[in-house]
Amino acid sequence: MGASQRQLKRAIACSVLTILSGADAEARFRTKAVSAGQTTQVAVYTAWVPVSCESAFGIVKVVEKPKSGKLSNAPINTVIPISRFANRPGPCFGKPTKGFAVSYTPMKGFRGTDSFTLDISRPTVGRTETDTFSIVVK
């Protein structure tokens, strides 16, 4: 594992993640189109405690690295979204929270399809999920 991947893993582990109602494990497949030669935000993870709406922490592991690009992240201020499990707004919907954005940068000159997989774990609420991304570089 290179220094940038270790740094991403550490930064993600310290970042907040979405705590959602519903099933204990969930997998999601995402397809994103990005422009060649540019860094593009491909996901935003937020986190909160459902009862108090306060920010909470989780862990993200890079299970499969992209082969033709690199991942980076940045902390952001955002709002609590609709639950991906319940597919409806909860009592915390729209309230401010901390989060982080995951971005993808294709290698110079690359055009085509790349992919990566993240495992998201929320030990305090016993929830996990896997997000697999298919990145189409145009």
C-alpha atoms as a PDB file:
ATOM      1  CA  MET A   1       0.000   0.000   0.000  1.00  0.00           C
ATOM      2  CA  GLY A   2       1.486   3.363  -1.043  1.00  0.00           C
ATOM      3  CA  ALA A   3       1.759   6.429   1.164  1.00  0.00           C
ATOM      4  CA  SER A   4      -1.212   8.131  -0.526  1.00  0.00           C
ATOM      5  CA  GLN A   5      -3.434   5.079   0.049  1.00  0.00           C
ATOM      6  CA  ARG A   6      -2.386   4.899   3.726  1.00  0.00           C
ATOM      7  CA  GLN A   7      -3.093   8.623   4.051  1.00  0.00           C
ATOM      8  CA  LEU A   8      -6.531   8.192   2.430  1.00  0.00           C
ATOM      9  CA  LYS A   9      -7.312   5.237   4.703  1.00  0.00           C
ATOM     10  CA  ARG A  10      -6.299   7.226   7.809  1.00  0.00           C
ATOM     11  CA  ALA A  11      -8.216  10.323   6.736  1.00  0.00           C
ATOM     12  CA  ILE A  12     -11.316   8.316   5.915  1.00  0.00           C
ATOM     13  CA  ALA A  13     -11.115   6.431   9.203  1.00  0.00           C
ATOM     14  CA  CYS A  14     -11.097   9.772  11.025  1.00  0.00           C
ATOM     15  CA  SER A  15     -13.955  11.179   8.955  1.00  0.00           C
ATOM     16  CA  VAL A  16     -17.641  10.936   9.639  1.00  0.00           C
ATOM     17  CA  LEU A  17     -19.965   8.600   7.777  1.00  0.00           C
ATOM     18  CA  THR A  18     -23.643   8.225   7.194  1.00  0.00           C
ATOM     19  CA  ILE A  19     -25.599   6.497   9.946  1.00  0.00           C
ATOM     20  CA  LEU A  20     -28.799   5.288   8.392  1.00  0.00           C
ATOM     21  CA  SER A  21     -31.878   3.421   9.514  1.00  0.00           C
ATOM     22  CA  GLY A  22     -32.766   0.073   7.968  1.00  0.00           C
ATOM     23  CA  ALA A  23     -30.848  -3.109   7.242  1.00  0.00           C
ATOM     24  CA  ASP A  24     -27.607  -3.978   9.026  1.00  0.00           C
ATOM     25  CA  ALA A  25     -25.719  -4.495   5.758  1.00  0.00           C
ATOM     26  CA  GLU A  26     -26.291  -2.880   2.388  1.00  0.00           C
ATOM     27  CA  ALA A  27     -24.367  -2.875  -0.891  1.00  0.00           C
ATOM     28  CA  ARG A  28     -24.601  -0.136  -3.478  1.00  0.00           C
ATOM     29  CA  PHE A  29     -23.217   0.080  -7.000  1.00  0.00           C
ATOM     30  CA  ARG A  30     -22.598   3.553  -8.402  1.00  0.00           C
ATOM     31  CA  THR A  31     -21.658   4.614 -11.927  1.00  0.00           C
ATOM     32  CA  LYS A  32     -20.103   8.048 -12.375  1.00  0.00           C
ATOM     33  CA  ALA A  33     -18.899   9.788 -15.538  1.00  0.00           C
ATOM     34  CA  VAL A  34     -15.835  12.013 -15.132  1.00  0.00           C
ATOM     35  CA  SER A  35     -13.734  14.127 -17.470  1.00  0.00           C
ATOM     36  CA  ALA A  36     -10.224  13.025 -18.428  1.00  0.00           C
ATOM     37  CA  GLY A  37      -7.490  14.986 -16.676  1.00  0.00           C
ATOM     38  CA  GLN A  38      -9.758  16.369 -13.931  1.00  0.00           C
ATOM     39  CA  THR A  39     -10.432  15.530 -10.293  1.00  0.00           C
ATOM     40  CA  THR A  40     -14.144  14.838  -9.749  1.00  0.00           C
ATOM     41  CA  GLN A  41     -16.084  14.392  -6.504  1.00  0.00           C
ATOM     42  CA  VAL A  42     -17.790  10.992  -6.762  1.00  0.00           C
ATOM     43  CA  ALA A  43     -19.306  10.546  -3.282  1.00  0.00           C
ATOM     44  CA  VAL A  44     -20.109  12.430  -0.087  1.00  0.00           C
ATOM     45  CA  TYR A  45     -20.382  10.578   3.214  1.00  0.00           C
ATOM     46  CA  THR A  46     -22.109  12.196   6.169  1.00  0.00           C
ATOM     47  CA  ALA A  47     -22.848  10.948   9.660  1.00  0.00           C
ATOM     48  CA  TRP A  48     -25.191  11.633  12.533  1.00  0.00           C
ATOM     49  CA  VAL A  49     -26.732  10.051  15.605  1.00  0.00           C
ATOM     50  CA  PRO A  50     -30.432   9.587  14.750  1.00  0.00           C
ATOM     51  CA  VAL A  51     -31.737  10.606  18.197  1.00  0.00           C
ATOM     52  CA  SER A  52     -29.655  13.776  18.685  1.00  0.00           C
ATOM     53  CA  CYS A  53     -28.713  14.636  15.065  1.00  0.00           C
ATOM     54  CA  GLU A  54     -25.087  15.092  16.244  1.00  0.00           C
ATOM     55  CA  SER A  55     -22.168  14.050  14.034  1.00  0.00           C
ATOM     56  CA  ALA A  56     -20.885  10.481  14.494  1.00  0.00           C
ATOM     57  CA  PHE A  57     -17.813   8.594  13.290  1.00  0.00           C
ATOM     58  CA  GLY A  58     -17.272   5.522  11.179  1.00  0.00           C
ATOM     59  CA  ILE A  59     -14.566   3.694   9.250  1.00  0.00           C
ATOM     60  CA  VAL A  60     -14.058   3.387   5.514  1.00  0.00           C
ATOM     61  CA  LYS A  61     -11.633   0.876   4.057  1.00  0.00           C
ATOM     62  CA  VAL A  62     -10.442   0.918   0.475  1.00  0.00           C
ATOM     63  CA  VAL A  63     -11.104  -2.704  -0.508  1.00  0.00           C
ATOM     64  CA  GLU A  64     -10.201  -2.362  -4.177  1.00  0.00           C
ATOM     65  CA  LYS A  65      -8.098   0.555  -5.406  1.00  0.00           C
ATOM     66  CA  PRO A  66      -8.691   2.087  -8.836  1.00  0.00           C
ATOM     67  CA  LYS A  67      -6.222   0.775 -11.419  1.00  0.00           C
ATOM     68  CA  SER A  68      -6.181   3.829 -13.674  1.00  0.00           C
ATOM     69  CA  GLY A  69      -6.576   6.689 -11.212  1.00  0.00           C
ATOM     70  CA  LYS A  70      -6.239   7.753  -7.604  1.00  0.00           C
ATOM     71  CA  LEU A  71      -8.593   8.558  -4.730  1.00  0.00           C
ATOM     72  CA  SER A  72      -8.496  11.574  -2.452  1.00  0.00           C
ATOM     73  CA  ASN A  73     -10.823  13.064   0.156  1.00  0.00           C
ATOM     74  CA  ALA A  74     -11.579  16.323   1.896  1.00  0.00           C
ATOM     75  CA  PRO A  75     -13.647  17.187   4.972  1.00  0.00           C
ATOM     76  CA  ILE A  76     -16.772  19.211   4.206  1.00  0.00           C
ATOM     77  CA  ASN A  77     -19.690  20.900   5.920  1.00  0.00           C
ATOM     78  CA  THR A  78     -22.940  19.480   4.577  1.00  0.00           C
ATOM     79  CA  VAL A  79     -26.497  18.607   5.607  1.00  0.00           C
ATOM     80  CA  ILE A  80     -28.127  15.328   6.628  1.00  0.00           C
ATOM     81  CA  PRO A  81     -29.617  13.632   3.528  1.00  0.00           C
ATOM     82  CA  ILE A  82     -32.549  11.285   3.021  1.00  0.00           C
ATOM     83  CA  SER A  83     -31.780   7.800   4.383  1.00  0.00           C
ATOM     84  CA  ARG A  84     -30.544   5.451   1.680  1.00  0.00           C
ATOM     85  CA  PHE A  85     -32.201   2.547   3.523  1.00  0.00           C
ATOM     86  CA  ALA A  86     -35.595   4.078   4.355  1.00  0.00           C
ATOM     87  CA  ASN A  87     -35.649   6.281   1.198  1.00  0.00           C
ATOM     88  CA  ARG A  88     -37.438   9.064   3.064  1.00  0.00           C
ATOM     89  CA  PRO A  89     -36.474  12.051   5.217  1.00  0.00           C
ATOM     90  CA  GLY A  90     -35.997  11.365   8.922  1.00  0.00           C
ATOM     91  CA  PRO A  91     -36.202  13.815  11.829  1.00  0.00           C
ATOM     92  CA  CYS A  92     -32.602  14.989  11.206  1.00  0.00           C
ATOM     93  CA  PHE A  93     -33.106  15.651   7.465  1.00  0.00           C
ATOM     94  CA  GLY A  94     -31.560  18.945   6.313  1.00  0.00           C
ATOM     95  CA  LYS A  95     -29.732  19.701   9.580  1.00  0.00           C
ATOM     96  CA  PRO A  96     -26.019  20.614   9.341  1.00  0.00           C
ATOM     97  CA  THR A  97     -23.395  17.917   9.888  1.00  0.00           C
ATOM     98  CA  LYS A  98     -19.756  17.168   9.096  1.00  0.00           C
ATOM     99  CA  GLY A  99     -18.792  14.853   6.285  1.00  0.00           C
ATOM    100  CA  PHE A 100     -16.186  14.182   3.661  1.00  0.00           C
ATOM    101  CA  ALA A 101     -16.064  14.019  -0.079  1.00  0.00           C
ATOM    102  CA  VAL A 102     -14.323  11.220  -1.972  1.00  0.00           C
ATOM    103  CA  SER A 103     -12.812  12.325  -5.285  1.00  0.00           C
ATOM    104  CA  TYR A 104     -11.314  10.412  -8.208  1.00  0.00           C
ATOM    105  CA  THR A 105      -8.493  11.618 -10.477  1.00  0.00           C
ATOM    106  CA  PRO A 106      -7.762   9.591 -13.649  1.00  0.00           C
ATOM    107  CA  MET A 107      -4.160   8.977 -14.694  1.00  0.00           C
ATOM    108  CA  LYS A 108      -2.869  11.364 -17.344  1.00  0.00           C
ATOM    109  CA  GLY A 109      -4.105  10.310 -20.792  1.00  0.00           C
ATOM    110  CA  PHE A 110      -6.493   7.628 -19.489  1.00  0.00           C
ATOM    111  CA  ARG A 111      -9.935   7.236 -21.030  1.00  0.00           C
ATOM    112  CA  GLY A 112     -12.156   4.254 -20.353  1.00  0.00           C
ATOM    113  CA  THR A 113     -13.674   2.516 -17.324  1.00  0.00           C
ATOM    114  CA  ASP A 114     -12.085   2.191 -13.897  1.00  0.00           C
ATOM    115  CA  SER A 115     -13.523   0.947 -10.610  1.00  0.00           C
ATOM    116  CA  PHE A 116     -12.944   0.863  -6.874  1.00  0.00           C
ATOM    117  CA  THR A 117     -14.713  -0.469  -3.784  1.00  0.00           C
ATOM    118  CA  LEU A 118     -15.136   1.021  -0.311  1.00  0.00           C
ATOM    119  CA  ASP A 119     -16.362  -0.778   2.832  1.00  0.00           C
ATOM    120  CA  ILE A 120     -18.176   1.551   5.246  1.00  0.00           C
ATOM    121  CA  SER A 121     -18.576   0.482   8.882  1.00  0.00           C
ATOM    122  CA  ARG A 122     -20.390   2.181  11.748  1.00  0.00           C
ATOM    123  CA  PRO A 123     -19.412   0.202  14.870  1.00  0.00           C
ATOM    124  CA  THR A 124     -21.477   2.321  17.267  1.00  0.00           C
ATOM    125  CA  VAL A 125     -24.724   1.337  15.517  1.00  0.00           C
ATOM    126  CA  GLY A 126     -23.676  -2.048  14.071  1.00  0.00           C
ATOM    127  CA  ARG A 127     -24.159  -1.166  10.407  1.00  0.00           C
ATOM    128  CA  THR A 128     -21.942  -1.888   7.407  1.00  0.00           C
ATOM    129  CA  GLU A 129     -22.176  -1.497   3.667  1.00  0.00           C
ATOM    130  CA  THR A 130     -20.050  -1.765   0.553  1.00  0.00           C
ATOM    131  CA  ASP A 131     -20.008   0.858  -2.180  1.00  0.00           C
ATOM    132  CA  THR A 132     -18.574  -0.195  -5.540  1.00  0.00           C
ATOM    133  CA  PHE A 133     -17.918   2.554  -8.044  1.00  0.00           C
ATOM    134  CA  SER A 134     -17.653   2.213 -11.822  1.00  0.00           C
ATOM    135  CA  ILE A 135     -15.941   5.333 -13.155  1.00  0.00           C
ATOM    136  CA  VAL A 136     -16.308   6.170 -16.844  1.00  0.00           C
ATOM    137  CA  VAL A 137     -13.539   8.557 -17.918  1.00  0.00           C
ATOM    138  CA  LYS A 138     -14.427  10.551 -21.047  1.00  0.00           C
END
